[in-house]
């Protein structure tokens, strides 16, 4: 097998694989690690900030809950137990919505 190693040495090298992700409708070339990271988090959850590809900030939850407050007209409770309203009077308490 003379010449086998010379023939193998002359074969052209395979070009390095390039990886791309799409952020905000634009295609960007990234490393393999960044491509895996983007797949893990989802390309739709990425954005470009200061020429870096980063995760979009998570939206803050707007929770609503009711709070028992003094009102002009509201409930009166037996022994201050909220499970036993005895009637509706002036200056009683009512459940009102609060937002965070």
PDB file of N, CA and C in Angstrom:
ATOM      1  N   UNK A   1       0.811  -1.180   0.000  1.00  0.00           N
ATOM      2  CA  UNK A   1       0.000   0.000   0.000  1.00  0.00           C
ATOM      3  C   UNK A   1       0.858   1.247   0.000  1.00  0.00           C
ATOM      4  N   UNK A   2       1.734   1.303  -0.930  1.00  0.00           N
ATOM      5  CA  UNK A   2       2.536   2.525  -1.008  1.00  0.00           C
ATOM      6  C   UNK A   2       1.685   3.689  -1.513  1.00  0.00           C
ATOM      7  N   UNK A   3       1.903   4.821  -0.949  1.00  0.00           N
ATOM      8  CA  UNK A   3       1.220   6.032  -1.390  1.00  0.00           C
ATOM      9  C   UNK A   3      -0.110   6.297  -0.700  1.00  0.00           C
ATOM     10  N   UNK A   4      -0.571   5.393   0.150  1.00  0.00           N
ATOM     11  CA  UNK A   4      -1.858   5.589   0.817  1.00  0.00           C
ATOM     12  C   UNK A   4      -1.817   6.804   1.751  1.00  0.00           C
ATOM     13  N   UNK A   5      -0.775   6.896   2.550  1.00  0.00           N
ATOM     14  CA  UNK A   5      -0.678   8.003   3.501  1.00  0.00           C
ATOM     15  C   UNK A   5      -0.474   9.338   2.797  1.00  0.00           C
ATOM     16  N   UNK A   6       0.226   9.303   1.670  1.00  0.00           N
ATOM     17  CA  UNK A   6       0.404  10.546   0.903  1.00  0.00           C
ATOM     18  C   UNK A   6      -0.928  10.996   0.310  1.00  0.00           C
ATOM     19  N   UNK A   7      -1.726  10.035  -0.160  1.00  0.00           N
ATOM     20  CA  UNK A   7      -3.027  10.367  -0.735  1.00  0.00           C
ATOM     21  C   UNK A   7      -3.968  10.915   0.342  1.00  0.00           C
ATOM     22  N   UNK A   8      -3.922  10.309   1.541  1.00  0.00           N
ATOM     23  CA  UNK A   8      -4.761  10.810   2.633  1.00  0.00           C
ATOM     24  C   UNK A   8      -4.340  12.206   3.065  1.00  0.00           C
ATOM     25  N   UNK A   9      -3.053  12.486   3.029  1.00  0.00           N
ATOM     26  CA  UNK A   9      -2.562  13.805   3.417  1.00  0.00           C
ATOM     27  C   UNK A   9      -2.993  14.870   2.413  1.00  0.00           C
ATOM     28  N   UNK A  10      -3.186  14.481   1.141  1.00  0.00           N
ATOM     29  CA  UNK A  10      -3.564  15.443   0.102  1.00  0.00           C
ATOM     30  C   UNK A  10      -5.071  15.710   0.044  1.00  0.00           C
ATOM     31  N   UNK A  11      -5.867  14.902   0.725  1.00  0.00           N
ATOM     32  CA  UNK A  11      -7.313  15.129   0.671  1.00  0.00           C
ATOM     33  C   UNK A  11      -7.647  16.438   1.370  1.00  0.00           C
ATOM     34  N   UNK A  12      -8.620  17.171   0.845  1.00  0.00           N
ATOM     35  CA  UNK A  12      -8.954  18.467   1.462  1.00  0.00           C
ATOM     36  C   UNK A  12      -9.635  18.276   2.828  1.00  0.00           C
ATOM     37  N   UNK A  13      -9.357  19.191   3.707  1.00  0.00           N
ATOM     38  CA  UNK A  13      -9.940  19.154   5.055  1.00  0.00           C
ATOM     39  C   UNK A  13     -11.427  19.531   4.975  1.00  0.00           C
ATOM     40  N   UNK A  14     -12.177  18.915   5.823  1.00  0.00           N
ATOM     41  CA  UNK A  14     -13.598  19.254   5.909  1.00  0.00           C
ATOM     42  C   UNK A  14     -13.722  20.596   6.625  1.00  0.00           C
ATOM     43  N   UNK A  15     -14.515  21.533   6.084  1.00  0.00           N
ATOM     44  CA  UNK A  15     -14.664  22.833   6.756  1.00  0.00           C
ATOM     45  C   UNK A  15     -15.430  22.665   8.076  1.00  0.00           C
ATOM     46  N   UNK A  16     -15.113  23.540   9.020  1.00  0.00           N
ATOM     47  CA  UNK A  16     -15.782  23.475  10.314  1.00  0.00           C
ATOM     48  C   UNK A  16     -17.256  23.771  10.152  1.00  0.00           C
ATOM     49  N   UNK A  17     -18.083  23.065  10.912  1.00  0.00           N
ATOM     50  CA  UNK A  17     -19.525  23.260  10.859  1.00  0.00           C
ATOM     51  C   UNK A  17     -19.874  24.587  11.508  1.00  0.00           C
ATOM     52  N   UNK A  18     -20.786  25.325  10.872  1.00  0.00           N
ATOM     53  CA  UNK A  18     -21.242  26.599  11.399  1.00  0.00           C
ATOM     54  C   UNK A  18     -22.648  26.417  11.937  1.00  0.00           C
ATOM     55  N   UNK A  19     -22.931  27.069  13.055  1.00  0.00           N
ATOM     56  CA  UNK A  19     -24.224  26.953  13.704  1.00  0.00           C
ATOM     57  C   UNK A  19     -24.917  28.309  13.672  1.00  0.00           C
ATOM     58  N   UNK A  20     -26.217  28.295  13.399  1.00  0.00           N
ATOM     59  CA  UNK A  20     -26.997  29.524  13.282  1.00  0.00           C
ATOM     60  C   UNK A  20     -28.242  29.432  14.154  1.00  0.00           C
ATOM     61  N   UNK A  21     -28.636  30.576  14.720  1.00  0.00           N
ATOM     62  CA  UNK A  21     -29.914  30.683  15.411  1.00  0.00           C
ATOM     63  C   UNK A  21     -30.610  31.942  14.893  1.00  0.00           C
ATOM     64  N   UNK A  22     -31.931  31.946  14.990  1.00  0.00           N
ATOM     65  CA  UNK A  22     -32.721  33.080  14.529  1.00  0.00           C
ATOM     66  C   UNK A  22     -33.257  33.828  15.742  1.00  0.00           C
ATOM     67  N   UNK A  23     -32.879  35.099  15.844  1.00  0.00           N
ATOM     68  CA  UNK A  23     -33.331  35.955  16.935  1.00  0.00           C
ATOM     69  C   UNK A  23     -33.926  37.213  16.323  1.00  0.00           C
ATOM     70  N   UNK A  24     -35.167  37.491  16.655  1.00  0.00           N
ATOM     71  CA  UNK A  24     -35.882  38.674  16.152  1.00  0.00           C
ATOM     72  C   UNK A  24     -35.884  38.708  14.628  1.00  0.00           C
ATOM     73  N   UNK A  25     -36.032  37.555  14.011  1.00  0.00           N
ATOM     74  CA  UNK A  25     -36.115  37.476  12.558  1.00  0.00           C
ATOM     75  C   UNK A  25     -34.781  37.560  11.842  1.00  0.00           C
ATOM     76  N   UNK A  26     -33.682  37.643  12.564  1.00  0.00           N
ATOM     77  CA  UNK A  26     -32.355  37.727  11.953  1.00  0.00           C
ATOM     78  C   UNK A  26     -31.562  36.477  12.291  1.00  0.00           C
ATOM     79  N   UNK A  27     -30.789  36.004  11.324  1.00  0.00           N
ATOM     80  CA  UNK A  27     -29.970  34.809  11.496  1.00  0.00           C
ATOM     81  C   UNK A  27     -28.594  35.221  12.032  1.00  0.00           C
ATOM     82  N   UNK A  28     -28.140  34.544  13.087  1.00  0.00           N
ATOM     83  CA  UNK A  28     -26.850  34.859  13.698  1.00  0.00           C
ATOM     84  C   UNK A  28     -26.004  33.600  13.784  1.00  0.00           C
ATOM     85  N   UNK A  29     -24.723  33.739  13.462  1.00  0.00           N
ATOM     86  CA  UNK A  29     -23.795  32.608  13.586  1.00  0.00           C
ATOM     87  C   UNK A  29     -23.292  32.552  15.025  1.00  0.00           C
ATOM     88  N   UNK A  30     -23.376  31.348  15.633  1.00  0.00           N
ATOM     89  CA  UNK A  30     -22.985  31.178  17.032  1.00  0.00           C
ATOM     90  C   UNK A  30     -22.155  29.901  17.167  1.00  0.00           C
ATOM     91  N   UNK A  31     -21.620  29.703  18.374  1.00  0.00           N
ATOM     92  CA  UNK A  31     -20.859  28.491  18.658  1.00  0.00           C
ATOM     93  C   UNK A  31     -21.826  27.347  18.954  1.00  0.00           C
ATOM     94  N   UNK A  32     -21.293  26.140  19.027  1.00  0.00           N
ATOM     95  CA  UNK A  32     -22.102  24.966  19.325  1.00  0.00           C
ATOM     96  C   UNK A  32     -22.731  25.079  20.711  1.00  0.00           C
ATOM     97  N   UNK A  33     -21.968  25.564  21.693  1.00  0.00           N
ATOM     98  CA  UNK A  33     -22.495  25.701  23.046  1.00  0.00           C
ATOM     99  C   UNK A  33     -23.650  26.699  23.094  1.00  0.00           C
ATOM    100  N   UNK A  34     -23.511  27.824  22.380  1.00  0.00           N
ATOM    101  CA  UNK A  34     -24.569  28.836  22.342  1.00  0.00           C
ATOM    102  C   UNK A  34     -25.801  28.301  21.618  1.00  0.00           C
ATOM    103  N   UNK A  35     -25.612  27.482  20.590  1.00  0.00           N
ATOM    104  CA  UNK A  35     -26.724  26.862  19.863  1.00  0.00           C
ATOM    105  C   UNK A  35     -27.494  25.911  20.787  1.00  0.00           C
ATOM    106  N   UNK A  36     -26.772  25.103  21.558  1.00  0.00           N
ATOM    107  CA  UNK A  36     -27.419  24.190  22.505  1.00  0.00           C
ATOM    108  C   UNK A  36     -28.186  24.977  23.571  1.00  0.00           C
ATOM    109  N   UNK A  37     -27.585  26.055  24.057  1.00  0.00           N
ATOM    110  CA  UNK A  37     -28.218  26.915  25.052  1.00  0.00           C
ATOM    111  C   UNK A  37     -29.504  27.517  24.488  1.00  0.00           C
ATOM    112  N   UNK A  38     -29.453  27.965  23.227  1.00  0.00           N
ATOM    113  CA  UNK A  38     -30.625  28.562  22.586  1.00  0.00           C
ATOM    114  C   UNK A  38     -31.729  27.523  22.396  1.00  0.00           C
ATOM    115  N   UNK A  39     -31.368  26.300  22.061  1.00  0.00           N
ATOM    116  CA  UNK A  39     -32.363  25.250  21.906  1.00  0.00           C
ATOM    117  C   UNK A  39     -32.994  24.895  23.250  1.00  0.00           C
ATOM    118  N   UNK A  40     -32.211  24.920  24.296  1.00  0.00           N
ATOM    119  CA  UNK A  40     -32.709  24.593  25.634  1.00  0.00           C
ATOM    120  C   UNK A  40     -33.745  25.618  26.099  1.00  0.00           C
ATOM    121  N   UNK A  41     -33.471  26.891  25.852  1.00  0.00           N
ATOM    122  CA  UNK A  41     -34.358  27.950  26.316  1.00  0.00           C
ATOM    123  C   UNK A  41     -35.409  28.335  25.281  1.00  0.00           C
ATOM    124  N   UNK A  42     -35.230  27.950  24.038  1.00  0.00           N
ATOM    125  CA  UNK A  42     -36.180  28.291  22.982  1.00  0.00           C
ATOM    126  C   UNK A  42     -35.781  29.592  22.308  1.00  0.00           C
ATOM    127  N   UNK A  43     -35.662  29.556  20.990  1.00  0.00           N
ATOM    128  CA  UNK A  43     -35.220  30.745  20.260  1.00  0.00           C
ATOM    129  C   UNK A  43     -36.221  31.887  20.361  1.00  0.00           C
ATOM    130  N   UNK A  44     -37.500  31.574  20.611  1.00  0.00           N
ATOM    131  CA  UNK A  44     -38.511  32.631  20.736  1.00  0.00           C
ATOM    132  C   UNK A  44     -38.359  33.399  22.045  1.00  0.00           C
ATOM    133  N   UNK A  45     -37.592  32.879  23.007  1.00  0.00           N
ATOM    134  CA  UNK A  45     -37.385  33.530  24.295  1.00  0.00           C
ATOM    135  C   UNK A  45     -36.078  34.311  24.350  1.00  0.00           C
ATOM    136  N   UNK A  46     -35.445  34.555  23.208  1.00  0.00           N
ATOM    137  CA  UNK A  46     -34.163  35.256  23.165  1.00  0.00           C
ATOM    138  C   UNK A  46     -34.332  36.646  22.562  1.00  0.00           C
ATOM    139  N   UNK A  47     -33.418  37.527  22.918  1.00  0.00           N
ATOM    140  CA  UNK A  47     -33.373  38.866  22.335  1.00  0.00           C
ATOM    141  C   UNK A  47     -31.920  39.323  22.279  1.00  0.00           C
ATOM    142  N   UNK A  48     -31.681  40.397  21.547  1.00  0.00           N
ATOM    143  CA  UNK A  48     -30.327  40.942  21.430  1.00  0.00           C
ATOM    144  C   UNK A  48     -30.249  42.196  22.284  1.00  0.00           C
ATOM    145  N   UNK A  49     -29.267  42.226  23.189  1.00  0.00           N
ATOM    146  CA  UNK A  49     -29.058  43.371  24.070  1.00  0.00           C
ATOM    147  C   UNK A  49     -27.566  43.644  24.116  1.00  0.00           C
ATOM    148  N   UNK A  50     -27.166  44.843  23.739  1.00  0.00           N
ATOM    149  CA  UNK A  50     -25.755  45.243  23.695  1.00  0.00           C
ATOM    150  C   UNK A  50     -24.944  44.267  22.846  1.00  0.00           C
ATOM    151  N   UNK A  51     -25.466  43.917  21.683  1.00  0.00           N
ATOM    152  CA  UNK A  51     -24.863  42.989  20.707  1.00  0.00           C
ATOM    153  C   UNK A  51     -24.572  41.608  21.297  1.00  0.00           C
ATOM    154  N   UNK A  52     -25.316  41.228  22.338  1.00  0.00           N
ATOM    155  CA  UNK A  52     -25.232  39.903  22.941  1.00  0.00           C
ATOM    156  C   UNK A  52     -26.605  39.247  22.853  1.00  0.00           C
ATOM    157  N   UNK A  53     -26.626  37.940  22.685  1.00  0.00           N
ATOM    158  CA  UNK A  53     -27.878  37.203  22.671  1.00  0.00           C
ATOM    159  C   UNK A  53     -28.169  36.768  24.105  1.00  0.00           C
ATOM    160  N   UNK A  54     -29.283  37.265  24.653  1.00  0.00           N
ATOM    161  CA  UNK A  54     -29.653  36.994  26.042  1.00  0.00           C
ATOM    162  C   UNK A  54     -31.122  36.585  26.106  1.00  0.00           C
ATOM    163  N   UNK A  55     -31.531  36.069  27.270  1.00  0.00           N
ATOM    164  CA  UNK A  55     -32.926  35.701  27.485  1.00  0.00           C
ATOM    165  C   UNK A  55     -33.776  36.953  27.685  1.00  0.00           C
ATOM    166  N   UNK A  56     -35.013  36.897  27.205  1.00  0.00           N
ATOM    167  CA  UNK A  56     -35.955  37.978  27.462  1.00  0.00           C
ATOM    168  C   UNK A  56     -36.308  37.953  28.946  1.00  0.00           C
ATOM    169  N   UNK A  57     -36.533  39.118  29.550  1.00  0.00           N
ATOM    170  CA  UNK A  57     -36.928  39.120  30.961  1.00  0.00           C
ATOM    171  C   UNK A  57     -38.323  38.517  31.116  1.00  0.00           C
ATOM    172  N   UNK A  58     -38.514  37.794  32.218  1.00  0.00           N
ATOM    173  CA  UNK A  58     -39.814  37.182  32.469  1.00  0.00           C
ATOM    174  C   UNK A  58     -40.802  38.255  32.912  1.00  0.00           C
ATOM    175  N   UNK A  59     -42.026  38.177  32.427  1.00  0.00           N
ATOM    176  CA  UNK A  59     -43.011  39.174  32.851  1.00  0.00           C
ATOM    177  C   UNK A  59     -43.382  38.979  34.312  1.00  0.00           C
ATOM    178  N   UNK A  60     -43.565  40.087  35.003  1.00  0.00           N
ATOM    179  CA  UNK A  60     -43.923  40.033  36.415  1.00  0.00           C
ATOM    180  C   UNK A  60     -45.410  39.695  36.518  1.00  0.00           C
ATOM    181  N   UNK A  61     -45.725  38.786  37.394  1.00  0.00           N
ATOM    182  CA  UNK A  61     -47.110  38.372  37.579  1.00  0.00           C
ATOM    183  C   UNK A  61     -47.891  39.457  38.303  1.00  0.00           C
ATOM    184  N   UNK A  62     -49.026  39.819  37.748  1.00  0.00           N
ATOM    185  CA  UNK A  62     -49.905  40.792  38.397  1.00  0.00           C
ATOM    186  C   UNK A  62     -50.967  40.018  39.157  1.00  0.00           C
ATOM    187  N   UNK A  63     -50.680  39.725  40.403  1.00  0.00           N
ATOM    188  CA  UNK A  63     -51.618  38.957  41.202  1.00  0.00           C
ATOM    189  C   UNK A  63     -52.660  39.882  41.813  1.00  0.00           C
ATOM    190  N   UNK A  64     -53.860  39.355  41.907  1.00  0.00           N
ATOM    191  CA  UNK A  64     -54.939  40.097  42.533  1.00  0.00           C
ATOM    192  C   UNK A  64     -55.449  39.276  43.701  1.00  0.00           C
ATOM    193  N   UNK A  65     -55.736  39.931  44.798  1.00  0.00           N
ATOM    194  CA  UNK A  65     -56.268  39.240  45.953  1.00  0.00           C
ATOM    195  C   UNK A  65     -57.178  40.188  46.715  1.00  0.00           C
ATOM    196  N   UNK A  66     -58.022  39.610  47.492  1.00  0.00           N
ATOM    197  CA  UNK A  66     -58.984  40.407  48.250  1.00  0.00           C
ATOM    198  C   UNK A  66     -58.457  40.667  49.666  1.00  0.00           C
ATOM    199  N   UNK A  67     -58.728  41.881  50.141  1.00  0.00           N
ATOM    200  CA  UNK A  67     -58.324  42.290  51.490  1.00  0.00           C
ATOM    201  C   UNK A  67     -59.561  42.833  52.201  1.00  0.00           C
ATOM    202  N   UNK A  68     -59.686  42.480  53.458  1.00  0.00           N
ATOM    203  CA  UNK A  68     -60.797  42.969  54.262  1.00  0.00           C
ATOM    204  C   UNK A  68     -60.459  44.374  54.758  1.00  0.00           C
ATOM    205  N   UNK A  69     -61.274  45.376  54.303  1.00  0.00           N
ATOM    206  CA  UNK A  69     -61.001  46.772  54.654  1.00  0.00           C
ATOM    207  C   UNK A  69     -62.264  47.431  55.195  1.00  0.00           C
ATOM    208  N   UNK A  70     -62.040  48.465  55.968  1.00  0.00           N
ATOM    209  CA  UNK A  70     -63.157  49.273  56.472  1.00  0.00           C
ATOM    210  C   UNK A  70     -63.757  50.046  55.295  1.00  0.00           C
ATOM    211  N   UNK A  71     -65.099  50.040  55.188  1.00  0.00           N
ATOM    212  CA  UNK A  71     -65.798  50.773  54.134  1.00  0.00           C
ATOM    213  C   UNK A  71     -66.970  51.524  54.743  1.00  0.00           C
ATOM    214  N   UNK A  72     -67.645  52.333  53.918  1.00  0.00           N
ATOM    215  CA  UNK A  72     -68.807  53.062  54.414  1.00  0.00           C
ATOM    216  C   UNK A  72     -69.943  52.109  54.762  1.00  0.00           C
ATOM    217  N   UNK A  73     -70.134  51.107  53.932  1.00  0.00           N
ATOM    218  CA  UNK A  73     -71.188  50.125  54.183  1.00  0.00           C
ATOM    219  C   UNK A  73     -70.568  48.744  53.997  1.00  0.00           C
ATOM    220  N   UNK A  74     -70.641  47.902  55.006  1.00  0.00           N
ATOM    221  CA  UNK A  74     -70.019  46.595  54.915  1.00  0.00           C
ATOM    222  C   UNK A  74     -70.535  45.627  55.965  1.00  0.00           C
ATOM    223  N   UNK A  75     -69.878  44.504  56.069  1.00  0.00           N
ATOM    224  CA  UNK A  75     -70.309  43.425  56.961  1.00  0.00           C
ATOM    225  C   UNK A  75     -69.848  43.651  58.395  1.00  0.00           C
ATOM    226  N   UNK A  76     -70.608  43.065  59.320  1.00  0.00           N
ATOM    227  CA  UNK A  76     -70.227  42.983  60.727  1.00  0.00           C
ATOM    228  C   UNK A  76     -70.110  41.494  61.021  1.00  0.00           C
ATOM    229  N   UNK A  77     -69.042  41.104  61.727  1.00  0.00           N
ATOM    230  CA  UNK A  77     -68.787  39.691  61.982  1.00  0.00           C
ATOM    231  C   UNK A  77     -68.980  39.352  63.449  1.00  0.00           C
ATOM    232  N   UNK A  78     -69.483  38.170  63.685  1.00  0.00           N
ATOM    233  CA  UNK A  78     -69.680  37.698  65.056  1.00  0.00           C
ATOM    234  C   UNK A  78     -68.334  37.281  65.632  1.00  0.00           C
ATOM    235  N   UNK A  79     -67.948  37.818  66.746  1.00  0.00           N
ATOM    236  CA  UNK A  79     -66.676  37.536  67.427  1.00  0.00           C
ATOM    237  C   UNK A  79     -65.464  37.742  66.506  1.00  0.00           C
ATOM    238  N   UNK A  80     -65.549  38.687  65.594  1.00  0.00           N
ATOM    239  CA  UNK A  80     -64.486  39.005  64.615  1.00  0.00           C
ATOM    240  C   UNK A  80     -64.065  37.781  63.798  1.00  0.00           C
ATOM    241  N   UNK A  81     -64.983  36.881  63.577  1.00  0.00           N
ATOM    242  CA  UNK A  81     -64.717  35.690  62.761  1.00  0.00           C
ATOM    243  C   UNK A  81     -65.265  35.960  61.361  1.00  0.00           C
ATOM    244  N   UNK A  82     -64.386  36.011  60.372  1.00  0.00           N
ATOM    245  CA  UNK A  82     -64.798  36.377  59.009  1.00  0.00           C
ATOM    246  C   UNK A  82     -65.743  35.356  58.389  1.00  0.00           C
ATOM    247  N   UNK A  83     -65.871  34.192  58.986  1.00  0.00           N
ATOM    248  CA  UNK A  83     -66.761  33.169  58.435  1.00  0.00           C
ATOM    249  C   UNK A  83     -68.194  33.301  58.954  1.00  0.00           C
ATOM    250  N   UNK A  84     -68.431  34.240  59.899  1.00  0.00           N
ATOM    251  CA  UNK A  84     -69.757  34.403  60.488  1.00  0.00           C
ATOM    252  C   UNK A  84     -70.220  35.858  60.394  1.00  0.00           C
ATOM    253  N   UNK A  85     -70.631  36.307  59.191  1.00  0.00           N
ATOM    254  CA  UNK A  85     -71.173  37.677  59.112  1.00  0.00           C
ATOM    255  C   UNK A  85     -72.571  37.714  59.734  1.00  0.00           C
ATOM    256  N   UNK A  86     -72.836  38.766  60.484  1.00  0.00           N
ATOM    257  CA  UNK A  86     -74.149  38.870  61.132  1.00  0.00           C
ATOM    258  C   UNK A  86     -75.050  39.890  60.454  1.00  0.00           C
ATOM    259  N   UNK A  87     -74.494  40.783  59.661  1.00  0.00           N
ATOM    260  CA  UNK A  87     -75.332  41.756  58.968  1.00  0.00           C
ATOM    261  C   UNK A  87     -74.497  42.782  58.237  1.00  0.00           C
ATOM    262  N   UNK A  88     -75.210  43.670  57.540  1.00  0.00           N
ATOM    263  CA  UNK A  88     -74.559  44.753  56.798  1.00  0.00           C
ATOM    264  C   UNK A  88     -74.939  46.057  57.491  1.00  0.00           C
ATOM    265  N   UNK A  89     -73.909  46.852  57.844  1.00  0.00           N
ATOM    266  CA  UNK A  89     -74.136  48.104  58.569  1.00  0.00           C
ATOM    267  C   UNK A  89     -73.251  49.197  58.000  1.00  0.00           C
ATOM    268  N   UNK A  90     -73.510  50.419  58.428  1.00  0.00           N
ATOM    269  CA  UNK A  90     -72.649  51.549  58.074  1.00  0.00           C
ATOM    270  C   UNK A  90     -71.327  51.403  58.826  1.00  0.00           C
ATOM    271  N   UNK A  91     -70.210  51.617  58.172  1.00  0.00           N
ATOM    272  CA  UNK A  91     -68.901  51.530  58.811  1.00  0.00           C
ATOM    273  C   UNK A  91     -68.430  50.107  59.034  1.00  0.00           C
ATOM    274  N   UNK A  92     -68.950  49.157  58.253  1.00  0.00           N
ATOM    275  CA  UNK A  92     -68.529  47.770  58.382  1.00  0.00           C
ATOM    276  C   UNK A  92     -67.294  47.481  57.542  1.00  0.00           C
ATOM    277  N   UNK A  93     -67.037  46.204  57.335  1.00  0.00           N
ATOM    278  CA  UNK A  93     -65.875  45.789  56.562  1.00  0.00           C
ATOM    279  C   UNK A  93     -66.335  45.074  55.287  1.00  0.00           C
ATOM    280  N   UNK A  94     -65.523  45.201  54.217  1.00  0.00           N
ATOM    281  CA  UNK A  94     -65.851  44.548  52.945  1.00  0.00           C
ATOM    282  C   UNK A  94     -64.571  43.997  52.328  1.00  0.00           C
ATOM    283  N   UNK A  95     -64.751  42.974  51.501  1.00  0.00           N
ATOM    284  CA  UNK A  95     -63.612  42.385  50.779  1.00  0.00           C
ATOM    285  C   UNK A  95     -63.388  43.192  49.510  1.00  0.00           C
ATOM    286  N   UNK A  96     -62.220  43.821  49.387  1.00  0.00           N
ATOM    287  CA  UNK A  96     -61.889  44.642  48.218  1.00  0.00           C
ATOM    288  C   UNK A  96     -60.675  44.057  47.512  1.00  0.00           C
ATOM    289  N   UNK A  97     -60.642  44.224  46.178  1.00  0.00           N
ATOM    290  CA  UNK A  97     -59.548  43.704  45.367  1.00  0.00           C
ATOM    291  C   UNK A  97     -58.318  44.595  45.490  1.00  0.00           C
ATOM    292  N   UNK A  98     -57.165  43.961  45.632  1.00  0.00           N
ATOM    293  CA  UNK A  98     -55.885  44.670  45.674  1.00  0.00           C
ATOM    294  C   UNK A  98     -55.002  44.083  44.601  1.00  0.00           C
ATOM    295  N   UNK A  99     -54.150  44.897  43.986  1.00  0.00           N
ATOM    296  CA  UNK A  99     -53.199  44.417  42.988  1.00  0.00           C
ATOM    297  C   UNK A  99     -51.794  44.657  43.486  1.00  0.00           C
ATOM    298  N   UNK A 100     -50.917  43.708  43.142  1.00  0.00           N
ATOM    299  CA  UNK A 100     -49.506  43.851  43.508  1.00  0.00           C
ATOM    300  C   UNK A 100     -48.825  44.785  42.567  1.00  0.00           C
TER     301      UNK A 100
END
